[in-house]
Amino acid sequence: MAQPKIQIYTTRTCPFCIRAKALLDQKGAKFDETDVGADASKRDTMTKRAGGKRSVPQIFIGDTHVGGCDELFALDRAGKLDPMLKGAA
């Protein structure tokens, strides 16, 4: 199966964004990054997609809203991230 589209909303200096991107890089996952730090319209788009959440990162794998950095790492610890990245979950 092909990798689903991964979208991560970030800001440049956010340490949680950096950690989340590093984990995705480590997994070899390609992702689209949108910096919402200086663009209110992009943050509004992210907030709508994320069900009102305004913190970064906000991560989407395919149509699934994963949440933030902590949720991404929790999926990895539970063994659920790799199947999601492969489009199997």
PDB file of N, CA and C in Angstrom:
ATOM      1  N   MET A   1       0.837  -1.189   0.000  1.00  0.00           N
ATOM      2  CA  MET A   1       0.000   0.000   0.000  1.00  0.00           C
ATOM      3  C   MET A   1       0.875   1.244   0.000  1.00  0.00           C
ATOM      4  N   ALA A   2       0.365   2.286  -0.601  1.00  0.00           N
ATOM      5  CA  ALA A   2       1.094   3.545  -0.645  1.00  0.00           C
ATOM      6  C   ALA A   2       0.929   4.295   0.669  1.00  0.00           C
ATOM      7  N   GLN A   3       1.956   5.047   1.001  1.00  0.00           N
ATOM      8  CA  GLN A   3       1.894   5.870   2.214  1.00  0.00           C
ATOM      9  C   GLN A   3       0.798   6.908   2.055  1.00  0.00           C
ATOM     10  N   PRO A   4      -0.053   7.057   3.064  1.00  0.00           N
ATOM     11  CA  PRO A   4      -1.065   8.113   2.989  1.00  0.00           C
ATOM     12  C   PRO A   4      -0.408   9.486   3.095  1.00  0.00           C
ATOM     13  N   LYS A   5      -1.126  10.502   2.666  1.00  0.00           N
ATOM     14  CA  LYS A   5      -0.615  11.865   2.782  1.00  0.00           C
ATOM     15  C   LYS A   5      -0.500  12.222   4.264  1.00  0.00           C
ATOM     16  N   ILE A   6       0.625  12.790   4.629  1.00  0.00           N
ATOM     17  CA  ILE A   6       0.848  13.236   6.001  1.00  0.00           C
ATOM     18  C   ILE A   6       0.995  14.749   5.975  1.00  0.00           C
ATOM     19  N   GLN A   7       0.199  15.420   6.809  1.00  0.00           N
ATOM     20  CA  GLN A   7       0.241  16.875   6.930  1.00  0.00           C
ATOM     21  C   GLN A   7       0.562  17.206   8.372  1.00  0.00           C
ATOM     22  N   ILE A   8       1.558  18.065   8.577  1.00  0.00           N
ATOM     23  CA  ILE A   8       1.911  18.503   9.916  1.00  0.00           C
ATOM     24  C   ILE A   8       1.954  20.023   9.933  1.00  0.00           C
ATOM     25  N   TYR A   9       1.193  20.593  10.844  1.00  0.00           N
ATOM     26  CA  TYR A   9       1.163  22.040  11.037  1.00  0.00           C
ATOM     27  C   TYR A   9       2.136  22.382  12.156  1.00  0.00           C
ATOM     28  N   THR A  10       3.023  23.329  11.911  1.00  0.00           N
ATOM     29  CA  THR A  10       4.112  23.627  12.831  1.00  0.00           C
ATOM     30  C   THR A  10       4.345  25.127  12.961  1.00  0.00           C
ATOM     31  N   THR A  11       5.273  25.455  13.861  1.00  0.00           N
ATOM     32  CA  THR A  11       5.924  26.756  13.871  1.00  0.00           C
ATOM     33  C   THR A  11       7.424  26.477  13.897  1.00  0.00           C
ATOM     34  N   ARG A  12       8.219  27.445  13.491  1.00  0.00           N
ATOM     35  CA  ARG A  12       9.656  27.210  13.312  1.00  0.00           C
ATOM     36  C   ARG A  12      10.392  26.822  14.580  1.00  0.00           C
ATOM     37  N   THR A  13      10.037  27.401  15.716  1.00  0.00           N
ATOM     38  CA  THR A  13      10.832  27.185  16.920  1.00  0.00           C
ATOM     39  C   THR A  13      10.201  26.226  17.924  1.00  0.00           C
ATOM     40  N   CYS A  14       9.104  25.622  17.588  1.00  0.00           N
ATOM     41  CA  CYS A  14       8.392  24.721  18.498  1.00  0.00           C
ATOM     42  C   CYS A  14       9.184  23.422  18.708  1.00  0.00           C
ATOM     43  N   PRO A  15       9.615  23.139  19.947  1.00  0.00           N
ATOM     44  CA  PRO A  15      10.388  21.911  20.185  1.00  0.00           C
ATOM     45  C   PRO A  15       9.570  20.641  19.956  1.00  0.00           C
ATOM     46  N   PHE A  16       8.262  20.695  20.197  1.00  0.00           N
ATOM     47  CA  PHE A  16       7.424  19.524  19.965  1.00  0.00           C
ATOM     48  C   PHE A  16       7.280  19.249  18.468  1.00  0.00           C
ATOM     49  N   CYS A  17       7.232  20.314  17.671  1.00  0.00           N
ATOM     50  CA  CYS A  17       7.188  20.169  16.209  1.00  0.00           C
ATOM     51  C   CYS A  17       8.467  19.509  15.716  1.00  0.00           C
ATOM     52  N   ILE A  18       9.581  19.961  16.240  1.00  0.00           N
ATOM     53  CA  ILE A  18      10.885  19.420  15.837  1.00  0.00           C
ATOM     54  C   ILE A  18      10.963  17.933  16.181  1.00  0.00           C
ATOM     55  N   ARG A  19      10.498  17.550  17.385  1.00  0.00           N
ATOM     56  CA  ARG A  19      10.514  16.131  17.791  1.00  0.00           C
ATOM     57  C   ARG A  19       9.606  15.291  16.901  1.00  0.00           C
ATOM     58  N   ALA A  20       8.411  15.795  16.604  1.00  0.00           N
ATOM     59  CA  ALA A  20       7.470  15.045  15.775  1.00  0.00           C
ATOM     60  C   ALA A  20       8.034  14.839  14.366  1.00  0.00           C
ATOM     61  N   LYS A  21       8.600  15.900  13.799  1.00  0.00           N
ATOM     62  CA  LYS A  21       9.192  15.776  12.457  1.00  0.00           C
ATOM     63  C   LYS A  21      10.371  14.816  12.475  1.00  0.00           C
ATOM     64  N   ALA A  22      11.170  14.832  13.542  1.00  0.00           N
ATOM     65  CA  ALA A  22      12.310  13.918  13.638  1.00  0.00           C
ATOM     66  C   ALA A  22      11.839  12.471  13.664  1.00  0.00           C
ATOM     67  N   LEU A  23      10.752  12.184  14.384  1.00  0.00           N
ATOM     68  CA  LEU A  23      10.231  10.813  14.414  1.00  0.00           C
ATOM     69  C   LEU A  23       9.747  10.395  13.035  1.00  0.00           C
ATOM     70  N   LEU A  24       9.019  11.271  12.359  1.00  0.00           N
ATOM     71  CA  LEU A  24       8.550  10.941  11.009  1.00  0.00           C
ATOM     72  C   LEU A  24       9.728  10.740  10.062  1.00  0.00           C
ATOM     73  N   ASP A  25      10.755  11.588  10.183  1.00  0.00           N
ATOM     74  CA  ASP A  25      11.962  11.416   9.360  1.00  0.00           C
ATOM     75  C   ASP A  25      12.625  10.074   9.646  1.00  0.00           C
ATOM     76  N   GLN A  26      12.721   9.730  10.920  1.00  0.00           N
ATOM     77  CA  GLN A  26      13.337   8.460  11.324  1.00  0.00           C
ATOM     78  C   GLN A  26      12.596   7.276  10.717  1.00  0.00           C
ATOM     79  N   LYS A  27      11.275   7.415  10.589  1.00  0.00           N
ATOM     80  CA  LYS A  27      10.450   6.353  10.002  1.00  0.00           C
ATOM     81  C   LYS A  27      10.499   6.371   8.479  1.00  0.00           C
ATOM     82  N   GLY A  28      11.161   7.369   7.900  1.00  0.00           N
ATOM     83  CA  GLY A  28      11.230   7.473   6.445  1.00  0.00           C
ATOM     84  C   GLY A  28       9.940   7.979   5.827  1.00  0.00           C
ATOM     85  N   ALA A  29       9.115   8.622   6.623  1.00  0.00           N
ATOM     86  CA  ALA A  29       7.822   9.111   6.138  1.00  0.00           C
ATOM     87  C   ALA A  29       7.981  10.488   5.514  1.00  0.00           C
ATOM     88  N   LYS A  30       7.418  10.652   4.354  1.00  0.00           N
ATOM     89  CA  LYS A  30       7.398  11.961   3.708  1.00  0.00           C
ATOM     90  C   LYS A  30       6.152  12.698   4.198  1.00  0.00           C
ATOM     91  N   PHE A  31       6.321  13.996   4.448  1.00  0.00           N
ATOM     92  CA  PHE A  31       5.187  14.766   4.955  1.00  0.00           C
ATOM     93  C   PHE A  31       5.217  16.172   4.393  1.00  0.00           C
ATOM     94  N   ASP A  32       4.030  16.773   4.354  1.00  0.00           N
ATOM     95  CA  ASP A  32       3.884  18.169   3.971  1.00  0.00           C
ATOM     96  C   ASP A  32       3.812  18.975   5.264  1.00  0.00           C
ATOM     97  N   GLU A  33       4.623  20.017   5.342  1.00  0.00           N
ATOM     98  CA  GLU A  33       4.670  20.860   6.528  1.00  0.00           C
ATOM     99  C   GLU A  33       4.102  22.232   6.211  1.00  0.00           C
ATOM    100  N   THR A  34       3.238  22.716   7.084  1.00  0.00           N
ATOM    101  CA  THR A  34       2.685  24.052   6.949  1.00  0.00           C
ATOM    102  C   THR A  34       3.038  24.837   8.203  1.00  0.00           C
ATOM    103  N   ASP A  35       3.807  25.906   8.033  1.00  0.00           N
ATOM    104  CA  ASP A  35       4.183  26.783   9.147  1.00  0.00           C
ATOM    105  C   ASP A  35       3.044  27.764   9.371  1.00  0.00           C
ATOM    106  N   VAL A  36       2.430  27.680  10.548  1.00  0.00           N
ATOM    107  CA  VAL A  36       1.292  28.551  10.865  1.00  0.00           C
ATOM    108  C   VAL A  36       1.707  29.733  11.744  1.00  0.00           C
ATOM    109  N   GLY A  37       2.997  29.868  12.014  1.00  0.00           N
ATOM    110  CA  GLY A  37       3.482  30.875  12.945  1.00  0.00           C
ATOM    111  C   GLY A  37       3.205  32.308  12.544  1.00  0.00           C
ATOM    112  N   ALA A  38       3.268  32.616  11.284  1.00  0.00           N
ATOM    113  CA  ALA A  38       3.142  34.011  10.852  1.00  0.00           C
ATOM    114  C   ALA A  38       1.939  34.233   9.948  1.00  0.00           C
ATOM    115  N   ASP A  39       1.054  33.247   9.865  1.00  0.00           N
ATOM    116  CA  ASP A  39      -0.064  33.354   8.937  1.00  0.00           C
ATOM    117  C   ASP A  39      -1.349  32.923   9.640  1.00  0.00           C
ATOM    118  N   ALA A  40      -2.138  33.911  10.045  1.00  0.00           N
ATOM    119  CA  ALA A  40      -3.370  33.629  10.797  1.00  0.00           C
ATOM    120  C   ALA A  40      -4.342  32.764   9.995  1.00  0.00           C
ATOM    121  N   SER A  41      -4.393  32.929   8.682  1.00  0.00           N
ATOM    122  CA  SER A  41      -5.337  32.140   7.882  1.00  0.00           C
ATOM    123  C   SER A  41      -4.942  30.661   7.878  1.00  0.00           C
ATOM    124  N   LYS A  42      -3.639  30.383   7.849  1.00  0.00           N
ATOM    125  CA  LYS A  42      -3.192  28.985   7.905  1.00  0.00           C
ATOM    126  C   LYS A  42      -3.498  28.381   9.275  1.00  0.00           C
ATOM    127  N   ARG A  43      -3.310  29.175  10.351  1.00  0.00           N
ATOM    128  CA  ARG A  43      -3.645  28.666  11.690  1.00  0.00           C
ATOM    129  C   ARG A  43      -5.149  28.423  11.803  1.00  0.00           C
ATOM    130  N   ASP A  44      -5.957  29.290  11.201  1.00  0.00           N
ATOM    131  CA  ASP A  44      -7.411  29.086  11.211  1.00  0.00           C
ATOM    132  C   ASP A  44      -7.789  27.796  10.498  1.00  0.00           C
ATOM    133  N   THR A  45      -7.151  27.534   9.352  1.00  0.00           N
ATOM    134  CA  THR A  45      -7.398  26.290   8.623  1.00  0.00           C
ATOM    135  C   THR A  45      -7.037  25.089   9.489  1.00  0.00           C
ATOM    136  N   MET A  46      -5.863  25.142  10.123  1.00  0.00           N
ATOM    137  CA  MET A  46      -5.419  24.060  11.003  1.00  0.00           C
ATOM    138  C   MET A  46      -6.419  23.859  12.136  1.00  0.00           C
ATOM    139  N   THR A  47      -6.851  24.952  12.759  1.00  0.00           N
ATOM    140  CA  THR A  47      -7.758  24.879  13.902  1.00  0.00           C
ATOM    141  C   THR A  47      -9.077  24.220  13.512  1.00  0.00           C
ATOM    142  N   LYS A  48      -9.599  24.570  12.342  1.00  0.00           N
ATOM    143  CA  LYS A  48     -10.839  23.946  11.867  1.00  0.00           C
ATOM    144  C   LYS A  48     -10.647  22.460  11.635  1.00  0.00           C
ATOM    145  N   ARG A  49      -9.555  22.090  10.984  1.00  0.00           N
ATOM    146  CA  ARG A  49      -9.290  20.671  10.721  1.00  0.00           C
ATOM    147  C   ARG A  49      -9.088  19.889  12.009  1.00  0.00           C
ATOM    148  N   ALA A  50      -8.492  20.540  13.018  1.00  0.00           N
ATOM    149  CA  ALA A  50      -8.133  19.873  14.265  1.00  0.00           C
ATOM    150  C   ALA A  50      -9.227  19.969  15.325  1.00  0.00           C
ATOM    151  N   GLY A  51     -10.414  20.312  14.936  1.00  0.00           N
ATOM    152  CA  GLY A  51     -11.521  20.343  15.876  1.00  0.00           C
ATOM    153  C   GLY A  51     -11.384  21.393  16.959  1.00  0.00           C
ATOM    154  N   GLY A  52     -10.791  22.525  16.609  1.00  0.00           N
ATOM    155  CA  GLY A  52     -10.664  23.633  17.546  1.00  0.00           C
ATOM    156  C   GLY A  52      -9.313  23.733  18.238  1.00  0.00           C
ATOM    157  N   LYS A  53      -8.451  22.763  18.046  1.00  0.00           N
ATOM    158  CA  LYS A  53      -7.127  22.804  18.687  1.00  0.00           C
ATOM    159  C   LYS A  53      -6.235  23.812  17.970  1.00  0.00           C
ATOM    160  N   ARG A  54      -5.574  24.671  18.762  1.00  0.00           N
ATOM    161  CA  ARG A  54      -4.730  25.729  18.192  1.00  0.00           C
ATOM    162  C   ARG A  54      -3.246  25.493  18.450  1.00  0.00           C
ATOM    163  N   SER A  55      -2.907  24.507  19.272  1.00  0.00           N
ATOM    164  CA  SER A  55      -1.498  24.252  19.583  1.00  0.00           C
ATOM    165  C   SER A  55      -0.831  23.517  18.427  1.00  0.00           C
ATOM    166  N   VAL A  56       0.471  23.633  18.357  1.00  0.00           N
ATOM    167  CA  VAL A  56       1.240  22.922  17.342  1.00  0.00           C
ATOM    168  C   VAL A  56       2.170  21.934  18.033  1.00  0.00           C
ATOM    169  N   PRO A  57       2.513  20.858  17.344  1.00  0.00           N
ATOM    170  CA  PRO A  57       2.042  20.491  16.013  1.00  0.00           C
ATOM    171  C   PRO A  57       0.638  19.893  16.050  1.00  0.00           C
ATOM    172  N   GLN A  58      -0.010  19.942  14.917  1.00  0.00           N
ATOM    173  CA  GLN A  58      -1.225  19.175  14.664  1.00  0.00           C
ATOM    174  C   GLN A  58      -0.899  18.295  13.471  1.00  0.00           C
ATOM    175  N   ILE A  59      -1.098  16.994  13.636  1.00  0.00           N
ATOM    176  CA  ILE A  59      -0.634  16.013  12.658  1.00  0.00           C
ATOM    177  C   ILE A  59      -1.823  15.227  12.122  1.00  0.00           C
ATOM    178  N   PHE A  60      -1.844  15.083  10.799  1.00  0.00           N
ATOM    179  CA  PHE A  60      -2.868  14.307  10.119  1.00  0.00           C
ATOM    180  C   PHE A  60      -2.177  13.251   9.267  1.00  0.00           C
ATOM    181  N   ILE A  61      -2.627  12.013   9.400  1.00  0.00           N
ATOM    182  CA  ILE A  61      -2.143  10.927   8.550  1.00  0.00           C
ATOM    183  C   ILE A  61      -3.354  10.444   7.773  1.00  0.00           C
ATOM    184  N   GLY A  62      -3.311  10.678   6.466  1.00  0.00           N
ATOM    185  CA  GLY A  62      -4.502  10.432   5.662  1.00  0.00           C
ATOM    186  C   GLY A  62      -5.614  11.332   6.175  1.00  0.00           C
ATOM    187  N   ASP A  63      -6.777  10.749   6.435  1.00  0.00           N
ATOM    188  CA  ASP A  63      -7.909  11.515   6.956  1.00  0.00           C
ATOM    189  C   ASP A  63      -7.972  11.501   8.485  1.00  0.00           C
ATOM    190  N   THR A  64      -6.993  10.851   9.113  1.00  0.00           N
ATOM    191  CA  THR A  64      -7.006  10.710  10.564  1.00  0.00           C
ATOM    192  C   THR A  64      -6.250  11.846  11.241  1.00  0.00           C
ATOM    193  N   HIS A  65      -6.915  12.516  12.170  1.00  0.00           N
ATOM    194  CA  HIS A  65      -6.252  13.540  12.977  1.00  0.00           C
ATOM    195  C   HIS A  65      -5.562  12.824  14.128  1.00  0.00           C
ATOM    196  N   VAL A  66      -4.238  12.761  14.074  1.00  0.00           N
ATOM    197  CA  VAL A  66      -3.458  12.086  15.102  1.00  0.00           C
ATOM    198  C   VAL A  66      -3.425  12.918  16.376  1.00  0.00           C
ATOM    199  N   GLY A  67      -3.309  14.218  16.228  1.00  0.00           N
ATOM    200  CA  GLY A  67      -3.152  15.110  17.369  1.00  0.00           C
ATOM    201  C   GLY A  67      -1.779  15.738  17.317  1.00  0.00           C
ATOM    202  N   GLY A  68      -1.137  15.826  18.480  1.00  0.00           N
ATOM    203  CA  GLY A  68       0.160  16.469  18.573  1.00  0.00           C
ATOM    204  C   GLY A  68       1.306  15.490  18.727  1.00  0.00           C
ATOM    205  N   CYS A  69       2.418  16.013  19.201  1.00  0.00           N
ATOM    206  CA  CYS A  69       3.643  15.231  19.354  1.00  0.00           C
ATOM    207  C   CYS A  69       3.453  14.058  20.320  1.00  0.00           C
ATOM    208  N   ASP A  70       2.841  14.321  21.468  1.00  0.00           N
ATOM    209  CA  ASP A  70       2.649  13.256  22.458  1.00  0.00           C
ATOM    210  C   ASP A  70       1.819  12.117  21.890  1.00  0.00           C
ATOM    211  N   GLU A  71       0.776  12.445  21.154  1.00  0.00           N
ATOM    212  CA  GLU A  71      -0.073  11.411  20.560  1.00  0.00           C
ATOM    213  C   GLU A  71       0.675  10.620  19.495  1.00  0.00           C
ATOM    214  N   LEU A  72       1.520  11.303  18.717  1.00  0.00           N
ATOM    215  CA  LEU A  72       2.315  10.621  17.697  1.00  0.00           C
ATOM    216  C   LEU A  72       3.260   9.612  18.343  1.00  0.00           C
ATOM    217  N   PHE A  73       3.946  10.025  19.407  1.00  0.00           N
ATOM    218  CA  PHE A  73       4.862   9.113  20.095  1.00  0.00           C
ATOM    219  C   PHE A  73       4.105   7.980  20.786  1.00  0.00           C
ATOM    220  N   ALA A  74       2.907   8.252  21.301  1.00  0.00           N
ATOM    221  CA  ALA A  74       2.096   7.200  21.927  1.00  0.00           C
ATOM    222  C   ALA A  74       1.694   6.152  20.894  1.00  0.00           C
ATOM    223  N   LEU A  75       1.329   6.585  19.691  1.00  0.00           N
ATOM    224  CA  LEU A  75       1.026   5.633  18.620  1.00  0.00           C
ATOM    225  C   LEU A  75       2.233   4.766  18.318  1.00  0.00           C
ATOM    226  N   ASP A  76       3.410   5.379  18.283  1.00  0.00           N
ATOM    227  CA  ASP A  76       4.628   4.627  18.002  1.00  0.00           C
ATOM    228  C   ASP A  76       4.893   3.593  19.099  1.00  0.00           C
ATOM    229  N   ARG A  77       4.776   4.009  20.359  1.00  0.00           N
ATOM    230  CA  ARG A  77       5.010   3.082  21.474  1.00  0.00           C
ATOM    231  C   ARG A  77       4.025   1.917  21.459  1.00  0.00           C
ATOM    232  N   ALA A  78       2.804   2.183  21.009  1.00  0.00           N
ATOM    233  CA  ALA A  78       1.768   1.149  20.964  1.00  0.00           C
ATOM    234  C   ALA A  78       1.880   0.261  19.724  1.00  0.00           C
ATOM    235  N   GLY A  79       2.850   0.556  18.846  1.00  0.00           N
ATOM    236  CA  GLY A  79       3.014  -0.242  17.635  1.00  0.00           C
ATOM    237  C   GLY A  79       1.993   0.068  16.554  1.00  0.00           C
ATOM    238  N   LYS A  80       1.301   1.201  16.669  1.00  0.00           N
ATOM    239  CA  LYS A  80       0.255   1.541  15.709  1.00  0.00           C
ATOM    240  C   LYS A  80       0.697   2.539  14.643  1.00  0.00           C
ATOM    241  N   LEU A  81       1.846   3.207  14.845  1.00  0.00           N
ATOM    242  CA  LEU A  81       2.258   4.230  13.904  1.00  0.00           C
ATOM    243  C   LEU A  81       2.732   3.638  12.585  1.00  0.00           C
ATOM    244  N   ASP A  82       3.584   2.622  12.644  1.00  0.00           N
ATOM    245  CA  ASP A  82       4.109   2.038  11.405  1.00  0.00           C
ATOM    246  C   ASP A  82       2.998   1.563  10.463  1.00  0.00           C
ATOM    247  N   PRO A  83       1.979   0.825  10.973  1.00  0.00           N
ATOM    248  CA  PRO A  83       0.898   0.443  10.049  1.00  0.00           C
ATOM    249  C   PRO A  83       0.164   1.647   9.462  1.00  0.00           C
ATOM    250  N   MET A  84      -0.021   2.706  10.272  1.00  0.00           N
ATOM    251  CA  MET A  84      -0.687   3.906   9.743  1.00  0.00           C
ATOM    252  C   MET A  84       0.135   4.538   8.627  1.00  0.00           C
ATOM    253  N   LEU A  85       1.456   4.585   8.817  1.00  0.00           N
ATOM    254  CA  LEU A  85       2.324   5.191   7.814  1.00  0.00           C
ATOM    255  C   LEU A  85       2.354   4.382   6.528  1.00  0.00           C
ATOM    256  N   LYS A  86       2.036   3.100   6.629  1.00  0.00           N
ATOM    257  CA  LYS A  86       2.012   2.234   5.448  1.00  0.00           C
ATOM    258  C   LYS A  86       0.625   2.173   4.825  1.00  0.00           C
ATOM    259  N   GLY A  87      -0.324   2.870   5.432  1.00  0.00           N
ATOM    260  CA  GLY A  87      -1.677   2.877   4.895  1.00  0.00           C
ATOM    261  C   GLY A  87      -2.465   1.642   5.235  1.00  0.00           C
ATOM    262  N   ALA A  88      -1.992   0.887   6.236  1.00  0.00           N
ATOM    263  CA  ALA A  88      -2.647  -0.374   6.591  1.00  0.00           C
ATOM    264  C   ALA A  88      -3.609  -0.225   7.757  1.00  0.00           C
ATOM    265  N   ALA A  89      -3.700   0.945   8.322  1.00  0.00           N
ATOM    266  CA  ALA A  89      -4.583   1.091   9.490  1.00  0.00           C
ATOM    267  C   ALA A  89      -5.583   2.206   9.268  1.00  0.00           C
TER     268      ALA A  89
END
